[in-house]
Amino acid sequence: MGMPKSKVTAKFQVTIPREVRAKVEVRPGEILSVEAASADEIILRRYPRVKNPLESLIGRVSRGTVPIEELEEMMESR
């Protein structure tokens, strides 16, 4: 069996063949970047999957508490 193939539709859409989807575990809704490598090659890249997107954007959230007096002192010292 040769390399999997897919046809470009009238709307310029391409279906990722089942064998390729299974190998890379791509899922519906994932965002891919599309790049022209040459006149004959197109590269699709998956954006890295992030387990907890909020944590990656703002960092780990501390669950500890700060006494109100300490917060007031910090505000007054500004």
C-alpha atoms as a PDB file:
ATOM      1  CA  MET A   1       0.000   0.000   0.000  1.00  0.00           C
ATOM      2  CA  GLY A   2       1.300   3.450  -0.896  1.00  0.00           C
ATOM      3  CA  MET A   3       1.235   6.741   0.899  1.00  0.00           C
ATOM      4  CA  PRO A   4      -2.259   7.843   2.032  1.00  0.00           C
ATOM      5  CA  LYS A   5      -3.892  10.362  -0.318  1.00  0.00           C
ATOM      6  CA  SER A   6      -6.590  12.995  -0.003  1.00  0.00           C
ATOM      7  CA  LYS A   7      -8.375  15.179  -2.560  1.00  0.00           C
ATOM      8  CA  VAL A   8      -8.714  18.961  -2.239  1.00  0.00           C
ATOM      9  CA  THR A   9     -12.414  19.942  -2.337  1.00  0.00           C
ATOM     10  CA  ALA A  10     -13.920  22.933  -4.161  1.00  0.00           C
ATOM     11  CA  LYS A  11     -13.712  24.802  -0.825  1.00  0.00           C
ATOM     12  CA  PHE A  12      -9.985  23.908  -0.540  1.00  0.00           C
ATOM     13  CA  GLN A  13     -10.630  21.485   2.318  1.00  0.00           C
ATOM     14  CA  VAL A  14      -8.589  18.318   2.782  1.00  0.00           C
ATOM     15  CA  THR A  15      -9.469  15.246   4.845  1.00  0.00           C
ATOM     16  CA  ILE A  16      -6.620  13.799   6.885  1.00  0.00           C
ATOM     17  CA  PRO A  17      -6.567  10.077   6.044  1.00  0.00           C
ATOM     18  CA  ARG A  18      -7.551   7.648   8.819  1.00  0.00           C
ATOM     19  CA  GLU A  19      -4.074   6.064   9.028  1.00  0.00           C
ATOM     20  CA  VAL A  20      -2.464   9.470   9.562  1.00  0.00           C
ATOM     21  CA  ARG A  21      -5.111  10.587  12.105  1.00  0.00           C
ATOM     22  CA  ALA A  22      -4.573   7.382  14.080  1.00  0.00           C
ATOM     23  CA  LYS A  23      -0.789   7.721  14.033  1.00  0.00           C
ATOM     24  CA  VAL A  24      -0.703  11.335  15.267  1.00  0.00           C
ATOM     25  CA  GLU A  25      -3.929  11.117  17.314  1.00  0.00           C
ATOM     26  CA  VAL A  26      -5.349  14.325  15.865  1.00  0.00           C
ATOM     27  CA  ARG A  27      -8.819  15.186  17.168  1.00  0.00           C
ATOM     28  CA  PRO A  28     -11.704  17.259  15.806  1.00  0.00           C
ATOM     29  CA  GLY A  29     -11.383  20.901  16.822  1.00  0.00           C
ATOM     30  CA  GLU A  30      -7.596  20.893  17.106  1.00  0.00           C
ATOM     31  CA  ILE A  31      -5.794  23.841  15.551  1.00  0.00           C
ATOM     32  CA  LEU A  32      -3.065  23.101  13.013  1.00  0.00           C
ATOM     33  CA  SER A  33      -0.612  25.497  11.437  1.00  0.00           C
ATOM     34  CA  VAL A  34      -0.290  25.260   7.640  1.00  0.00           C
ATOM     35  CA  GLU A  35       2.979  26.158   5.941  1.00  0.00           C
ATOM     36  CA  ALA A  36       4.170  26.028   2.333  1.00  0.00           C
ATOM     37  CA  ALA A  37       7.557  24.286   2.457  1.00  0.00           C
ATOM     38  CA  SER A  38       7.984  24.486  -1.318  1.00  0.00           C
ATOM     39  CA  ALA A  39       5.841  24.645  -4.448  1.00  0.00           C
ATOM     40  CA  ASP A  40       5.096  20.914  -3.960  1.00  0.00           C
ATOM     41  CA  GLU A  41       5.026  20.498  -0.168  1.00  0.00           C
ATOM     42  CA  ILE A  42       2.603  21.642   2.521  1.00  0.00           C
ATOM     43  CA  ILE A  43       3.433  21.110   6.179  1.00  0.00           C
ATOM     44  CA  LEU A  44       0.731  20.725   8.839  1.00  0.00           C
ATOM     45  CA  ARG A  45       1.841  21.127  12.434  1.00  0.00           C
ATOM     46  CA  ARG A  46      -0.183  20.647  15.576  1.00  0.00           C
ATOM     47  CA  TYR A  47       0.057  23.311  18.207  1.00  0.00           C
ATOM     48  CA  PRO A  48       1.371  21.745  21.407  1.00  0.00           C
ATOM     49  CA  ARG A  49      -1.362  20.256  23.545  1.00  0.00           C
ATOM     50  CA  VAL A  50      -1.667  21.897  26.940  1.00  0.00           C
ATOM     51  CA  LYS A  51      -3.097  19.921  29.834  1.00  0.00           C
ATOM     52  CA  ASN A  52      -4.200  22.983  31.812  1.00  0.00           C
ATOM     53  CA  PRO A  53      -4.329  26.075  29.532  1.00  0.00           C
ATOM     54  CA  LEU A  54      -5.064  28.521  32.342  1.00  0.00           C
ATOM     55  CA  GLU A  55      -2.042  27.354  34.330  1.00  0.00           C
ATOM     56  CA  SER A  56       0.222  27.754  31.309  1.00  0.00           C
ATOM     57  CA  LEU A  57      -1.040  31.316  30.756  1.00  0.00           C
ATOM     58  CA  ILE A  58      -0.873  32.648  34.317  1.00  0.00           C
ATOM     59  CA  GLY A  59       1.312  30.140  36.149  1.00  0.00           C
ATOM     60  CA  ARG A  60       0.461  27.987  39.093  1.00  0.00           C
ATOM     61  CA  VAL A  61      -2.166  29.431  41.381  1.00  0.00           C
ATOM     62  CA  SER A  62      -1.284  29.401  45.034  1.00  0.00           C
ATOM     63  CA  ARG A  63      -3.967  27.925  47.237  1.00  0.00           C
ATOM     64  CA  GLY A  64      -2.477  29.480  50.378  1.00  0.00           C
ATOM     65  CA  THR A  65      -4.038  32.377  52.221  1.00  0.00           C
ATOM     66  CA  VAL A  66      -2.515  35.683  53.260  1.00  0.00           C
ATOM     67  CA  PRO A  67      -3.705  37.403  56.428  1.00  0.00           C
ATOM     68  CA  ILE A  68      -5.567  40.666  55.722  1.00  0.00           C
ATOM     69  CA  GLU A  69      -3.090  42.592  57.871  1.00  0.00           C
ATOM     70  CA  GLU A  70      -0.224  41.459  55.657  1.00  0.00           C
ATOM     71  CA  LEU A  71      -2.124  42.528  52.528  1.00  0.00           C
ATOM     72  CA  GLU A  72      -2.849  45.935  54.049  1.00  0.00           C
ATOM     73  CA  GLU A  73       0.825  46.403  54.937  1.00  0.00           C
ATOM     74  CA  MET A  74       1.851  45.457  51.399  1.00  0.00           C
ATOM     75  CA  MET A  75      -0.608  47.975  49.940  1.00  0.00           C
ATOM     76  CA  GLU A  76       0.513  50.767  52.271  1.00  0.00           C
ATOM     77  CA  SER A  77       4.172  50.197  51.449  1.00  0.00           C
ATOM     78  CA  ARG A  78       3.567  50.894  47.742  1.00  0.00           C
END
